[in-house]
Amino acid sequence: MDVLRTPDERFDNLPDYPFPPKYVGVESRKVPTLRMHYVDAGPADGPVVVLLHGQPTWSFMYRKVVGVLSDAGMRVIAPDNIGYGRSDKLTDATAYTFRRHVDWMQGLVTGLDLREATLVVQDWGGPIGLSVLAREPDRFARVVATNTILHTCDPALAGKLAWAHHGVDDDRVMLQETLLDYVALYQRSPDINPSMFLDAVAGPLDPDVLAAYDAPFPDRSYKAGLRQMTALIPLTRNDPGAAIGRDTMAALRRWERPFLTAYTDGDPPTRGWDNVFREHIPGASGQAHTTITGAGHFVAEQQGEKLAAIIAEFVGKTT
């Protein structure tokens, strides 16, 4: 199984990203031990905040959040999913599975022995990170969810989401056409560059910022994980990822520690999931849930300082 590592020089002089690289070995069944990169900023004895990115970004997206939180005395851990950022990249697309992404992120949490952590999740950071929480609930003290979902295909989601993604009866599903277009684009396009999506959704962005999002991927051989992640979106209840999502939601229904939603006002693909989480997770009751204005899907890129302020206030109030 071939593994690539993006040359270090690709990450030289990134804007507002001065963090020295750190690595931890992570494992999953039938895959060699891989090197996962993470940012570790702020005082070592500060309250731990774990920032999980999604697709097609990497920890660079959280650079403004890392700066604010570390200056406020928190220890901030911002990993790159395997296949992203400075982490190792498998060249075989089929080696990337939902369960392995959860295994790898669990490996970081246990490998660094993180405890009493605040988990912050966006996009795929939610399905992956919340599934790690379901496996390791005692390591987390609270959760901040922003612009994320859980893949369950549950028929009970009908009418609750801006983008349809749910079962109908016993053997049908209802899916947003744009969601299927997005999945198809990633599988059929000759090439994919993260900057195209970042600029379209969060732009216009400066050229050096766009280049930073593309930095992990020198050529197509590095992009198997980037391309495969959309193929892992469960589109039916029979998908293994939907089973993981249902198990994770079952664990969240028992989660009584603080759970905060901070979604934006400009992200139709995830709109409605904030209400679903607030409805079903005991720890969400009575929290100061908020809506971040002036941002779309990539909230940390567009409103990073505001997101950081919400996280810091939440940690302070619930510690």
Protein backbone atom coordinates (compact mmCIF):
# COMPACT_ATOMS: atom_id res chain seq x y z
CA MET A 1 0.00 0.00 0.00
CA ASP A 2 1.72 3.19 -1.20
CA VAL A 3 1.92 6.17 1.13
CA LEU A 4 2.91 9.69 0.08
CA ARG A 5 4.13 12.60 2.19
CA THR A 6 3.77 16.10 0.83
CA PRO A 7 7.22 17.75 0.64
CA ASP A 8 7.82 20.10 3.56
CA GLU A 9 8.69 23.01 1.29
CA ARG A 10 5.08 23.10 0.08
CA PHE A 11 4.19 24.50 3.52
CA ASP A 12 6.80 27.25 3.69
CA ASN A 13 5.60 30.80 4.39
CA LEU A 14 1.87 30.06 4.63
CA PRO A 15 -0.10 33.17 5.63
CA ASP A 16 -0.92 33.36 9.37
CA TYR A 17 0.11 29.73 9.89
CA PRO A 18 3.40 29.81 11.83
CA PHE A 19 2.81 26.58 13.72
CA PRO A 20 5.64 24.01 13.79
CA PRO A 21 4.53 20.57 12.60
CA LYS A 22 3.95 17.76 15.08
CA TYR A 23 3.10 14.16 14.32
CA VAL A 24 1.59 11.07 15.94
CA GLY A 25 1.38 7.54 14.61
CA VAL A 26 -2.17 6.26 14.03
CA GLU A 27 -3.43 2.83 13.09
CA SER A 28 -6.39 1.05 11.51
CA ARG A 29 -6.94 -2.56 10.55
CA LYS A 30 -5.09 -3.78 7.43
CA VAL A 31 -3.36 -0.41 6.95
CA PRO A 32 0.23 0.37 7.95
CA THR A 33 0.85 2.83 10.76
CA LEU A 34 0.46 6.32 9.32
CA ARG A 35 1.77 9.69 10.39
CA MET A 36 -0.94 12.19 11.34
CA HIS A 37 -0.01 15.85 11.54
CA TYR A 38 -1.42 18.20 14.14
CA VAL A 39 -0.99 21.75 15.37
CA ASP A 40 -0.30 22.01 19.11
CA ALA A 41 -0.47 25.66 20.20
CA GLY A 42 -0.89 27.44 23.51
CA PRO A 43 0.16 26.45 27.04
CA ALA A 44 0.60 22.73 27.61
CA ASP A 45 -1.41 22.90 30.83
CA GLY A 46 -4.29 24.94 29.39
CA PRO A 47 -7.81 23.67 28.74
CA VAL A 48 -7.68 21.44 25.64
CA VAL A 49 -9.63 22.38 22.51
CA VAL A 50 -9.62 19.98 19.55
CA LEU A 51 -10.51 21.52 16.17
CA LEU A 52 -11.57 19.01 13.49
CA HIS A 53 -11.78 20.03 9.85
CA GLY A 54 -13.70 18.45 7.00
CA GLN A 55 -13.44 18.22 3.23
CA PRO A 56 -11.67 19.72 1.24
CA THR A 57 -9.82 21.73 3.92
CA TRP A 58 -7.09 21.04 6.47
CA SER A 59 -5.94 22.59 9.75
CA PHE A 60 -4.95 25.75 7.88
CA MET A 61 -8.64 26.68 7.89
CA TYR A 62 -8.52 27.09 11.69
CA ARG A 63 -5.45 29.37 11.77
CA LYS A 64 -7.42 32.38 13.10
CA VAL A 65 -9.23 30.24 15.68
CA VAL A 66 -5.96 28.70 16.86
CA GLY A 67 -4.40 32.12 17.39
CA VAL A 68 -7.27 33.54 19.42
CA LEU A 69 -7.73 30.47 21.62
CA SER A 70 -4.02 29.93 22.30
CA ASP A 71 -3.62 33.61 23.21
CA ALA A 72 -6.50 33.10 25.65
CA GLY A 73 -4.53 30.40 27.46
CA MET A 74 -5.95 27.27 25.86
CA ARG A 75 -4.03 24.33 24.43
CA VAL A 76 -5.29 23.97 20.88
CA ILE A 77 -4.95 20.73 18.94
CA ALA A 78 -5.82 20.96 15.24
CA PRO A 79 -5.11 17.72 13.34
CA ASP A 80 -5.15 16.99 9.63
CA ASN A 81 -7.22 13.99 8.60
CA ILE A 82 -5.23 11.25 6.90
CA GLY A 83 -5.12 12.22 3.23
CA TYR A 84 -5.12 15.94 4.04
CA GLY A 85 -2.72 18.68 5.06
CA ARG A 86 0.67 17.47 6.27
CA SER A 87 -0.66 14.02 7.20
CA ASP A 88 0.23 10.89 5.23
CA LYS A 89 -1.70 10.20 2.04
CA LEU A 90 -2.62 6.74 0.81
CA THR A 91 -2.64 6.53 -2.97
CA ASP A 92 -5.39 3.87 -3.12
CA ALA A 93 -8.74 5.63 -2.87
CA THR A 94 -10.48 2.49 -1.65
CA ALA A 95 -8.18 2.39 1.40
CA TYR A 96 -10.11 5.36 2.79
CA THR A 97 -13.24 4.33 4.66
CA PHE A 98 -15.44 6.13 7.17
CA ARG A 99 -14.48 3.65 9.89
CA ARG A 100 -10.77 4.10 9.22
CA HIS A 101 -11.09 7.88 9.44
CA VAL A 102 -12.68 7.39 12.87
CA ASP A 103 -9.95 4.90 13.84
CA TRP A 104 -7.22 7.33 12.82
CA MET A 105 -8.71 10.27 14.70
CA GLN A 106 -9.28 8.11 17.76
CA GLY A 107 -5.59 7.22 17.50
CA LEU A 108 -4.65 10.88 17.76
CA VAL A 109 -6.91 11.47 20.78
CA THR A 110 -5.61 8.42 22.65
CA GLY A 111 -2.04 8.80 21.41
CA LEU A 112 -1.85 12.32 22.83
CA ASP A 113 -3.86 11.19 25.87
CA LEU A 114 -6.24 14.13 25.54
CA ARG A 115 -8.63 14.56 28.47
CA GLU A 116 -11.40 16.98 29.44
CA ALA A 117 -11.24 18.22 25.86
CA THR A 118 -13.59 20.58 24.09
CA LEU A 119 -14.42 19.04 20.71
CA VAL A 120 -15.10 21.50 17.86
CA VAL A 121 -16.44 19.95 14.66
CA GLN A 122 -17.23 21.26 11.18
CA ASP A 123 -18.22 19.40 7.98
CA TRP A 124 -16.76 15.83 8.07
CA GLY A 125 -15.17 16.74 11.38
CA GLY A 126 -18.63 16.08 12.84
CA PRO A 127 -19.25 12.51 11.65
CA ILE A 128 -15.63 11.60 12.39
CA GLY A 129 -15.17 13.49 15.65
CA LEU A 130 -18.55 12.70 17.15
CA SER A 131 -17.98 9.03 16.36
CA VAL A 132 -14.68 9.24 18.26
CA LEU A 133 -16.60 10.80 21.14
CA ALA A 134 -19.05 7.89 21.02
CA ARG A 135 -16.09 5.52 21.48
CA GLU A 136 -14.21 7.68 24.03
CA PRO A 137 -16.87 9.72 25.85
CA ASP A 138 -14.84 10.18 29.03
CA ARG A 139 -12.13 12.10 27.18
CA PHE A 140 -14.43 14.98 26.23
CA ALA A 141 -15.95 17.66 28.44
CA ARG A 142 -18.06 19.54 25.89
CA VAL A 143 -18.82 19.91 22.16
CA VAL A 144 -19.20 22.84 19.76
CA ALA A 145 -20.86 21.84 16.48
CA THR A 146 -20.78 24.21 13.51
CA ASN A 147 -21.97 23.46 9.98
CA THR A 148 -21.88 19.69 10.32
CA ILE A 149 -24.23 16.71 10.06
CA LEU A 150 -24.50 13.05 10.98
CA HIS A 151 -24.98 10.53 8.19
CA THR A 152 -27.93 8.40 9.32
CA CYS A 153 -30.46 8.47 6.44
CA ASP A 154 -33.09 8.36 9.19
CA PRO A 155 -36.67 8.72 7.86
CA ALA A 156 -37.42 10.90 10.90
CA LEU A 157 -35.29 13.65 9.33
CA ALA A 158 -37.97 14.30 6.70
CA GLY A 159 -38.96 17.96 6.70
CA LYS A 160 -36.24 18.94 9.20
CA LEU A 161 -33.33 19.62 6.84
CA ALA A 162 -32.84 22.25 4.16
CA TRP A 163 -31.12 19.61 2.02
CA ALA A 164 -33.10 16.38 1.85
CA HIS A 165 -31.09 13.37 2.98
CA HIS A 166 -33.34 10.80 4.58
CA GLY A 167 -35.08 7.47 4.14
CA VAL A 168 -38.65 7.14 2.88
CA ASP A 169 -40.74 4.11 3.85
CA ASP A 170 -38.74 0.89 3.90
CA ASP A 171 -36.79 0.94 0.66
CA ARG A 172 -36.59 4.48 -0.74
CA VAL A 173 -34.54 7.58 0.00
CA MET A 174 -35.00 11.29 -0.59
CA LEU A 175 -31.81 13.11 -1.61
CA GLN A 176 -31.12 16.70 -2.55
CA GLU A 177 -30.19 16.88 -6.21
CA THR A 178 -27.28 19.24 -5.45
CA LEU A 179 -25.86 16.69 -3.03
CA LEU A 180 -25.79 14.06 -5.76
CA ASP A 181 -24.26 16.56 -8.19
CA TYR A 182 -21.51 17.26 -5.65
CA VAL A 183 -20.73 13.57 -5.15
CA ALA A 184 -20.69 12.97 -8.91
CA LEU A 185 -18.42 15.95 -9.56
CA TYR A 186 -15.75 14.63 -7.21
CA GLN A 187 -15.83 11.20 -8.86
CA ARG A 188 -15.97 12.30 -12.49
CA SER A 189 -13.91 15.48 -12.67
CA PRO A 190 -10.43 15.02 -14.21
CA ASP A 191 -8.93 16.98 -11.33
CA ILE A 192 -10.04 18.59 -8.07
CA ASN A 193 -8.48 21.55 -6.27
CA PRO A 194 -9.67 22.70 -2.84
CA SER A 195 -9.12 26.34 -3.75
CA MET A 196 -11.91 26.18 -6.34
CA PHE A 197 -14.47 25.30 -3.65
CA LEU A 198 -13.08 27.64 -1.00
CA ASP A 199 -13.13 30.59 -3.36
CA ALA A 200 -16.61 29.76 -4.62
CA VAL A 201 -18.12 29.42 -1.14
CA ALA A 202 -15.98 31.69 1.06
CA GLY A 203 -14.34 33.99 -1.48
CA PRO A 204 -13.01 35.97 -3.00
CA LEU A 205 -9.90 34.91 -1.09
CA ASP A 206 -6.35 36.20 -1.47
CA PRO A 207 -4.16 34.19 -3.86
CA ASP A 208 -1.76 33.19 -1.08
CA VAL A 209 -4.67 31.79 0.95
CA LEU A 210 -5.96 29.82 -2.03
CA ALA A 211 -2.47 28.48 -2.65
CA ALA A 212 -2.27 27.37 0.99
CA TYR A 213 -5.41 25.28 0.65
CA ASP A 214 -3.89 23.58 -2.40
CA ALA A 215 -0.43 23.16 -0.83
CA PRO A 216 -0.97 19.58 0.45
CA PHE A 217 -1.66 18.30 -3.06
CA PRO A 218 1.28 18.78 -5.48
CA ASP A 219 -0.38 16.59 -8.11
CA ARG A 220 -3.24 14.12 -8.61
CA SER A 221 -1.39 11.25 -6.97
CA TYR A 222 -1.81 12.98 -3.59
CA LYS A 223 -5.57 13.48 -3.95
CA ALA A 224 -7.04 10.00 -3.48
CA GLY A 225 -8.33 10.81 0.01
CA LEU A 226 -9.56 14.24 -1.05
CA ARG A 227 -11.57 12.71 -3.88
CA GLN A 228 -12.78 9.64 -1.99
CA MET A 229 -14.34 11.42 0.98
CA THR A 230 -17.42 12.50 -0.98
CA ALA A 231 -17.88 8.88 -2.06
CA LEU A 232 -18.10 7.98 1.64
CA ILE A 233 -21.24 10.08 2.14
CA PRO A 234 -23.94 7.47 2.89
CA LEU A 235 -26.80 7.82 0.42
CA THR A 236 -28.88 4.90 1.72
CA ARG A 237 -29.61 3.31 5.08
CA ASN A 238 -27.67 0.21 3.97
CA ASP A 239 -24.36 2.08 3.76
CA PRO A 240 -21.86 1.12 6.51
CA GLY A 241 -21.37 4.83 7.18
CA ALA A 242 -25.07 5.24 7.93
CA ALA A 243 -24.80 2.48 10.53
CA ILE A 244 -21.88 4.32 12.14
CA GLY A 245 -23.93 7.52 12.09
CA ARG A 246 -26.88 5.85 13.79
CA ASP A 247 -24.63 4.36 16.48
CA THR A 248 -23.08 7.78 17.06
CA MET A 249 -26.47 9.45 17.32
CA ALA A 250 -27.53 6.81 19.84
CA ALA A 251 -24.49 7.71 21.94
CA LEU A 252 -25.27 11.43 21.63
CA ARG A 253 -28.78 10.82 22.89
CA ARG A 254 -27.06 9.85 26.16
CA TRP A 255 -24.60 12.78 26.13
CA GLU A 256 -25.38 15.02 29.10
CA ARG A 257 -22.28 17.20 29.05
CA PRO A 258 -22.54 20.65 27.40
CA PHE A 259 -23.25 20.63 23.66
CA LEU A 260 -23.41 23.95 21.78
CA THR A 261 -24.50 24.65 18.20
CA ALA A 262 -22.98 27.63 16.38
CA TYR A 263 -24.09 27.28 12.76
CA THR A 264 -23.91 30.05 10.18
CA ASP A 265 -26.75 31.80 8.40
CA GLY A 266 -25.41 30.91 4.95
CA ASP A 267 -25.00 27.13 4.72
CA PRO A 268 -28.04 25.32 3.25
CA PRO A 269 -26.31 21.89 3.10
CA THR A 270 -26.18 21.67 6.91
CA ARG A 271 -29.15 23.87 7.83
CA GLY A 272 -31.54 22.08 10.15
CA TRP A 273 -28.96 19.83 11.78
CA ASP A 274 -28.45 22.36 14.56
CA ASN A 275 -32.11 21.90 15.48
CA VAL A 276 -31.82 18.11 15.26
CA PHE A 277 -28.88 18.11 17.66
CA ARG A 278 -30.61 20.46 20.06
CA GLU A 279 -33.73 18.29 19.99
CA HIS A 280 -32.05 14.97 20.71
CA ILE A 281 -28.90 15.63 22.77
CA PRO A 282 -29.52 16.15 26.51
CA GLY A 283 -26.41 18.30 26.91
CA ALA A 284 -27.76 20.82 24.40
CA SER A 285 -30.62 21.76 26.71
CA GLY A 286 -30.29 25.24 28.16
CA GLN A 287 -27.14 26.18 26.23
CA ALA A 288 -26.69 29.58 24.59
CA HIS A 289 -26.96 28.32 21.01
CA THR A 290 -26.12 30.93 18.43
CA THR A 291 -26.12 31.71 14.72
CA ILE A 292 -22.98 33.19 13.17
CA THR A 293 -23.93 35.78 10.57
CA GLY A 294 -22.04 36.70 7.45
CA ALA A 295 -20.56 33.29 6.71
CA GLY A 296 -21.24 30.21 4.65
CA HIS A 297 -20.02 26.65 5.03
CA PHE A 298 -16.37 27.42 5.84
CA VAL A 299 -17.08 29.41 8.99
CA ALA A 300 -13.52 29.35 10.33
CA GLU A 301 -12.27 30.95 7.11
CA GLN A 302 -14.88 33.69 7.00
CA GLN A 303 -15.57 34.33 10.70
CA GLY A 304 -12.70 32.66 12.53
CA GLU A 305 -12.34 35.24 15.27
CA LYS A 306 -16.07 35.17 15.98
CA LEU A 307 -16.10 31.38 16.15
CA ALA A 308 -13.10 31.46 18.50
CA ALA A 309 -14.84 33.96 20.78
CA ILE A 310 -17.90 31.69 20.97
CA ILE A 311 -15.72 28.69 21.85
CA ALA A 312 -13.78 30.61 24.50
CA GLU A 313 -16.95 31.94 26.14
CA PHE A 314 -18.52 28.47 26.11
CA VAL A 315 -15.48 26.88 27.73
CA GLY A 316 -15.37 29.61 30.35
CA LYS A 317 -19.05 29.24 31.25
CA THR A 318 -19.07 25.45 31.44
CA THR A 319 -15.76 24.74 33.17
